[in-house]
PDB file of all heavy atoms in Angstrom:
ATOM      1  N   LEU A   1      18.079  96.112 -29.327  1.00  0.00           N
ATOM      2  CA  LEU A   1      17.387  97.123 -28.561  1.00  0.00           C
ATOM      3  C   LEU A   1      16.613  98.084 -29.432  1.00  0.00           C
ATOM      4  O   LEU A   1      15.721  98.774 -28.995  1.00  0.00           O
ATOM      5  CB  LEU A   1      18.396  97.895 -27.697  1.00  0.00           C
ATOM      6  CG  LEU A   1      18.992  97.133 -26.537  1.00  0.00           C
ATOM      7  CD1 LEU A   1      19.991  97.995 -25.826  1.00  0.00           C
ATOM      8  CD2 LEU A   1      17.939  96.646 -25.576  1.00  0.00           C
ATOM      9  N   ASP A   2      16.991  98.179 -30.747  1.00  0.00           N
ATOM     10  CA  ASP A   2      16.278  99.028 -31.700  1.00  0.00           C
ATOM     11  C   ASP A   2      16.155 100.437 -31.106  1.00  0.00           C
ATOM     12  O   ASP A   2      15.058 100.990 -31.005  1.00  0.00           O
ATOM     13  CB  ASP A   2      14.925  98.428 -32.024  1.00  0.00           C
ATOM     14  CG  ASP A   2      14.295  99.091 -33.230  1.00  0.00           C
ATOM     15  OD1 ASP A   2      15.061  99.577 -34.117  1.00  0.00           O
ATOM     16  OD2 ASP A   2      13.073  99.129 -33.329  1.00  0.00           O
ATOM     17  N   ILE A   3      17.306 101.055 -30.813  1.00  0.00           N
ATOM     18  CA  ILE A   3      17.347 102.389 -30.217  1.00  0.00           C
ATOM     19  C   ILE A   3      16.927 103.464 -31.232  1.00  0.00           C
ATOM     20  O   ILE A   3      17.369 103.417 -32.369  1.00  0.00           O
ATOM     21  CB  ILE A   3      18.788 102.715 -29.737  1.00  0.00           C
ATOM     22  CG1 ILE A   3      19.239 101.669 -28.709  1.00  0.00           C
ATOM     23  CG2 ILE A   3      18.899 104.115 -29.219  1.00  0.00           C
ATOM     24  CD1 ILE A   3      18.492 101.691 -27.411  1.00  0.00           C
ATOM     25  N   ASP A   4      16.089 104.387 -30.826  1.00  0.00           N
ATOM     26  CA  ASP A   4      15.697 105.515 -31.661  1.00  0.00           C
ATOM     27  C   ASP A   4      16.818 106.538 -31.627  1.00  0.00           C
ATOM     28  O   ASP A   4      16.912 107.341 -30.659  1.00  0.00           O
ATOM     29  CB  ASP A   4      14.387 106.114 -31.133  1.00  0.00           C
ATOM     30  CG  ASP A   4      13.876 107.286 -31.962  1.00  0.00           C
ATOM     31  OD1 ASP A   4      14.508 107.550 -33.028  1.00  0.00           O
ATOM     32  OD2 ASP A   4      12.889 107.891 -31.578  1.00  0.00           O
ATOM     33  N   THR A   5      17.662 106.556 -32.615  1.00  0.00           N
ATOM     34  CA  THR A   5      18.832 107.427 -32.635  1.00  0.00           C
ATOM     35  C   THR A   5      18.493 108.870 -32.909  1.00  0.00           C
ATOM     36  O   THR A   5      19.326 109.766 -32.757  1.00  0.00           O
ATOM     37  CB  THR A   5      19.866 106.964 -33.668  1.00  0.00           C
ATOM     38  OG1 THR A   5      19.238 106.846 -34.929  1.00  0.00           O
ATOM     39  CG2 THR A   5      20.448 105.633 -33.243  1.00  0.00           C
ATOM     40  N   GLU A   6      17.224 109.149 -33.249  1.00  0.00           N
ATOM     41  CA  GLU A   6      16.824 110.552 -33.454  1.00  0.00           C
ATOM     42  C   GLU A   6      16.590 111.248 -32.116  1.00  0.00           C
ATOM     43  O   GLU A   6      16.593 112.437 -32.026  1.00  0.00           O
ATOM     44  CB  GLU A   6      15.579 110.600 -34.329  1.00  0.00           C
ATOM     45  CG  GLU A   6      15.886 110.236 -35.781  1.00  0.00           C
ATOM     46  CD  GLU A   6      14.652 110.351 -36.628  1.00  0.00           C
ATOM     47  OE1 GLU A   6      13.662 111.001 -36.244  1.00  0.00           O
ATOM     48  OE2 GLU A   6      14.694 109.802 -37.760  1.00  0.00           O
ATOM     49  N   ARG A   7      16.360 110.458 -31.056  1.00  0.00           N
ATOM     50  CA  ARG A   7      16.138 111.060 -29.728  1.00  0.00           C
ATOM     51  C   ARG A   7      17.443 111.476 -29.079  1.00  0.00           C
ATOM     52  O   ARG A   7      17.434 112.321 -28.152  1.00  0.00           O
ATOM     53  CB  ARG A   7      15.449 110.053 -28.828  1.00  0.00           C
ATOM     54  CG  ARG A   7      14.011 109.826 -29.179  1.00  0.00           C
ATOM     55  CD  ARG A   7      13.220 109.000 -28.217  1.00  0.00           C
ATOM     56  NE  ARG A   7      14.016 108.471 -27.100  1.00  0.00           N
ATOM     57  CZ  ARG A   7      13.703 107.375 -26.450  1.00  0.00           C
ATOM     58  NH1 ARG A   7      12.626 106.676 -26.775  1.00  0.00           N
ATOM     59  NH2 ARG A   7      14.428 106.939 -25.446  1.00  0.00           N
ATOM     60  N   GLY A   8      18.561 110.865 -29.420  1.00  0.00           N
ATOM     61  CA  GLY A   8      19.811 111.228 -28.778  1.00  0.00           C
ATOM     62  C   GLY A   8      20.994 110.578 -29.460  1.00  0.00           C
ATOM     63  O   GLY A   8      20.851 109.808 -30.381  1.00  0.00           O
ATOM     64  N   SER A   9      22.174 110.919 -28.950  1.00  0.00           N
ATOM     65  CA  SER A   9      23.420 110.391 -29.531  1.00  0.00           C
ATOM     66  C   SER A   9      23.693 108.986 -28.989  1.00  0.00           C
ATOM     67  O   SER A   9      23.357 108.685 -27.811  1.00  0.00           O
ATOM     68  CB  SER A   9      24.574 111.295 -29.163  1.00  0.00           C
ATOM     69  OG  SER A   9      24.375 112.587 -29.643  1.00  0.00           O
ATOM     70  N   VAL A  10      24.325 108.183 -29.818  1.00  0.00           N
ATOM     71  CA  VAL A  10      24.714 106.823 -29.432  1.00  0.00           C
ATOM     72  C   VAL A  10      26.183 106.643 -29.686  1.00  0.00           C
ATOM     73  O   VAL A  10      26.669 106.938 -30.777  1.00  0.00           O
ATOM     74  CB  VAL A  10      23.911 105.778 -30.206  1.00  0.00           C
ATOM     75  CG1 VAL A  10      24.363 104.360 -29.868  1.00  0.00           C
ATOM     76  CG2 VAL A  10      22.426 105.912 -29.947  1.00  0.00           C
ATOM     77  N   ALA A  11      26.929 106.206 -28.676  1.00  0.00           N
ATOM     78  CA  ALA A  11      28.340 105.895 -28.860  1.00  0.00           C
ATOM     79  C   ALA A  11      28.588 104.445 -28.506  1.00  0.00           C
ATOM     80  O   ALA A  11      28.149 103.964 -27.458  1.00  0.00           O
ATOM     81  CB  ALA A  11      29.192 106.785 -27.947  1.00  0.00           C
ATOM     82  N   LEU A  12      29.209 103.725 -29.418  1.00  0.00           N
ATOM     83  CA  LEU A  12      29.570 102.299 -29.225  1.00  0.00           C
ATOM     84  C   LEU A  12      31.087 102.265 -29.159  1.00  0.00           C
ATOM     85  O   LEU A  12      31.774 102.650 -30.095  1.00  0.00           O
ATOM     86  CB  LEU A  12      29.052 101.412 -30.342  1.00  0.00           C
ATOM     87  CG  LEU A  12      29.557  99.971 -30.390  1.00  0.00           C
ATOM     88  CD1 LEU A  12      29.198  99.244 -29.094  1.00  0.00           C
ATOM     89  CD2 LEU A  12      29.007  99.285 -31.605  1.00  0.00           C
ATOM     90  N   ILE A  13      31.586 101.780 -28.021  1.00  0.00           N
ATOM     91  CA  ILE A  13      33.025 101.670 -27.836  1.00  0.00           C
ATOM     92  C   ILE A  13      33.303 100.206 -27.717  1.00  0.00           C
ATOM     93  O   ILE A  13      32.788  99.520 -26.800  1.00  0.00           O
ATOM     94  CB  ILE A  13      33.479 102.452 -26.566  1.00  0.00           C
ATOM     95  CG1 ILE A  13      32.971 103.865 -26.620  1.00  0.00           C
ATOM     96  CG2 ILE A  13      34.991 102.417 -26.431  1.00  0.00           C
ATOM     97  CD1 ILE A  13      32.610 104.441 -25.290  1.00  0.00           C
ATOM     98  N   MET A  14      34.133  99.657 -28.624  1.00  0.00           N
ATOM     99  CA  MET A  14      34.356  98.220 -28.662  1.00  0.00           C
ATOM    100  C   MET A  14      35.764  97.854 -28.262  1.00  0.00           C
ATOM    101  O   MET A  14      36.708  98.613 -28.496  1.00  0.00           O
ATOM    102  CB  MET A  14      34.055  97.713 -30.069  1.00  0.00           C
ATOM    103  CG  MET A  14      32.619  97.953 -30.522  1.00  0.00           C
ATOM    104  SD  MET A  14      32.274  97.348 -32.187  1.00  0.00           S
ATOM    105  CE  MET A  14      32.256  95.570 -31.885  1.00  0.00           C
ATOM    106  N   ASN A  15      35.872  96.712 -27.628  1.00  0.00           N
ATOM    107  CA  ASN A  15      37.147  96.102 -27.234  1.00  0.00           C
ATOM    108  C   ASN A  15      37.987  97.006 -26.343  1.00  0.00           C
ATOM    109  O   ASN A  15      39.179  97.166 -26.516  1.00  0.00           O
ATOM    110  CB  ASN A  15      37.941  95.665 -28.485  1.00  0.00           C
ATOM    111  CG  ASN A  15      37.248  94.553 -29.212  1.00  0.00           C
ATOM    112  OD1 ASN A  15      36.765  93.609 -28.617  1.00  0.00           O
ATOM    113  ND2 ASN A  15      37.171  94.688 -30.527  1.00  0.00           N
ATOM    114  N   VAL A  16      37.331  97.606 -25.361  1.00  0.00           N
ATOM    115  CA  VAL A  16      38.021  98.434 -24.382  1.00  0.00           C
ATOM    116  C   VAL A  16      38.671  97.532 -23.356  1.00  0.00           C
ATOM    117  O   VAL A  16      38.097  96.542 -22.936  1.00  0.00           O
ATOM    118  CB  VAL A  16      36.979  99.366 -23.678  1.00  0.00           C
ATOM    119  CG1 VAL A  16      37.617 100.206 -22.597  1.00  0.00           C
ATOM    120  CG2 VAL A  16      36.294 100.244 -24.704  1.00  0.00           C
ATOM    121  N   SER A  17      39.864  97.894 -22.885  1.00  0.00           N
ATOM    122  CA  SER A  17      40.495  97.104 -21.841  1.00  0.00           C
ATOM    123  C   SER A  17      39.722  97.195 -20.558  1.00  0.00           C
ATOM    124  O   SER A  17      39.165  98.246 -20.203  1.00  0.00           O
ATOM    125  CB  SER A  17      41.913  97.701 -21.589  1.00  0.00           C
ATOM    126  OG  SER A  17      42.741  97.474 -22.673  1.00  0.00           O
ATOM    127  N   SER A  18      39.628  96.032 -19.893  1.00  0.00           N
ATOM    128  CA  SER A  18      38.890  95.977 -18.612  1.00  0.00           C
ATOM    129  C   SER A  18      39.699  95.081 -17.635  1.00  0.00           C
ATOM    130  O   SER A  18      40.110  93.997 -17.995  1.00  0.00           O
ATOM    131  CB  SER A  18      37.545  95.313 -18.903  1.00  0.00           C
ATOM    132  OG  SER A  18      36.911  94.932 -17.688  1.00  0.00           O
ATOM    133  N   ASN A  19      39.888  95.585 -16.453  1.00  0.00           N
ATOM    134  CA  ASN A  19      40.615  94.814 -15.419  1.00  0.00           C
ATOM    135  C   ASN A  19      39.831  93.552 -15.063  1.00  0.00           C
ATOM    136  O   ASN A  19      40.409  92.494 -14.813  1.00  0.00           O
ATOM    137  CB  ASN A  19      40.824  95.631 -14.157  1.00  0.00           C
ATOM    138  CG  ASN A  19      41.805  96.774 -14.404  1.00  0.00           C
ATOM    139  OD1 ASN A  19      42.664  96.693 -15.297  1.00  0.00           O
ATOM    140  ND2 ASN A  19      41.664  97.829 -13.646  1.00  0.00           N
ATOM    141  N   LYS A  20      38.500  93.631 -15.064  1.00  0.00           N
ATOM    142  CA  LYS A  20      37.666  92.556 -14.627  1.00  0.00           C
ATOM    143  C   LYS A  20      37.439  91.501 -15.730  1.00  0.00           C
ATOM    144  O   LYS A  20      37.389  90.303 -15.457  1.00  0.00           O
ATOM    145  CB  LYS A  20      36.300  93.111 -14.209  1.00  0.00           C
ATOM    146  CG  LYS A  20      35.490  92.284 -13.325  1.00  0.00           C
ATOM    147  CD  LYS A  20      34.230  93.077 -12.932  1.00  0.00           C
ATOM    148  CE  LYS A  20      33.578  92.525 -11.738  1.00  0.00           C
ATOM    149  NZ  LYS A  20      32.364  93.223 -11.369  1.00  0.00           N
ATOM    150  N   HIS A  21      37.253  91.961 -16.962  1.00  0.00           N
ATOM    151  CA  HIS A  21      36.874  91.070 -18.103  1.00  0.00           C
ATOM    152  C   HIS A  21      37.916  90.918 -19.186  1.00  0.00           C
ATOM    153  O   HIS A  21      37.672  90.217 -20.160  1.00  0.00           O
ATOM    154  CB  HIS A  21      35.541  91.565 -18.708  1.00  0.00           C
ATOM    155  CG  HIS A  21      34.451  91.688 -17.709  1.00  0.00           C
ATOM    156  ND1 HIS A  21      33.783  90.584 -17.166  1.00  0.00           N
ATOM    157  CD2 HIS A  21      33.867  92.765 -17.148  1.00  0.00           C
ATOM    158  CE1 HIS A  21      32.863  90.993 -16.356  1.00  0.00           C
ATOM    159  NE2 HIS A  21      32.868  92.297 -16.305  1.00  0.00           N
ATOM    160  N   GLY A  22      39.019  91.601 -19.077  1.00  0.00           N
ATOM    161  CA  GLY A  22      40.026  91.570 -20.146  1.00  0.00           C
ATOM    162  C   GLY A  22      39.685  92.620 -21.215  1.00  0.00           C
ATOM    163  O   GLY A  22      40.330  93.642 -21.373  1.00  0.00           O
ATOM    164  N   LYS A  23      38.615  92.361 -21.954  1.00  0.00           N
ATOM    165  CA  LYS A  23      38.077  93.282 -22.956  1.00  0.00           C
ATOM    166  C   LYS A  23      36.565  93.368 -22.780  1.00  0.00           C
ATOM    167  O   LYS A  23      35.947  92.440 -22.333  1.00  0.00           O
ATOM    168  CB  LYS A  23      38.375  92.796 -24.399  1.00  0.00           C
ATOM    169  CG  LYS A  23      39.844  92.731 -24.738  1.00  0.00           C
ATOM    170  CD  LYS A  23      40.270  94.048 -25.302  1.00  0.00           C
ATOM    171  CE  LYS A  23      41.723  93.950 -25.804  1.00  0.00           C
ATOM    172  NZ  LYS A  23      42.236  95.224 -26.175  1.00  0.00           N
ATOM    173  N   LYS A  24      35.998  94.535 -23.164  1.00  0.00           N
ATOM    174  CA  LYS A  24      34.579  94.707 -23.040  1.00  0.00           C
ATOM    175  C   LYS A  24      34.090  95.750 -24.044  1.00  0.00           C
ATOM    176  O   LYS A  24      34.892  96.473 -24.631  1.00  0.00           O
ATOM    177  CB  LYS A  24      34.157  95.142 -21.619  1.00  0.00           C
ATOM    178  CG  LYS A  24      34.684  96.543 -21.269  1.00  0.00           C
ATOM    179  CD  LYS A  24      34.287  96.967 -19.905  1.00  0.00           C
ATOM    180  CE  LYS A  24      34.769  98.358 -19.534  1.00  0.00           C
ATOM    181  NZ  LYS A  24      34.385  98.795 -18.191  1.00  0.00           N
ATOM    182  N   ASP A  25      32.809  95.834 -24.270  1.00  0.00           N
ATOM    183  CA  ASP A  25      32.165  96.858 -25.067  1.00  0.00           C
ATOM    184  C   ASP A  25      31.341  97.759 -24.131  1.00  0.00           C
ATOM    185  O   ASP A  25      30.876  97.300 -23.086  1.00  0.00           O
ATOM    186  CB  ASP A  25      31.226  96.247 -26.108  1.00  0.00           C
ATOM    187  CG  ASP A  25      31.961  95.595 -27.272  1.00  0.00           C
ATOM    188  OD1 ASP A  25      33.207  95.543 -27.242  1.00  0.00           O
ATOM    189  OD2 ASP A  25      31.243  95.098 -28.162  1.00  0.00           O
TER     190      ASP A  25
END
């Protein structure tokens, strides 16, 4: 996606528990 991180904050949350998918980002 080549996000311009100077325009705003970016948070990446990895391997979160998900009822639907087991794990997700």
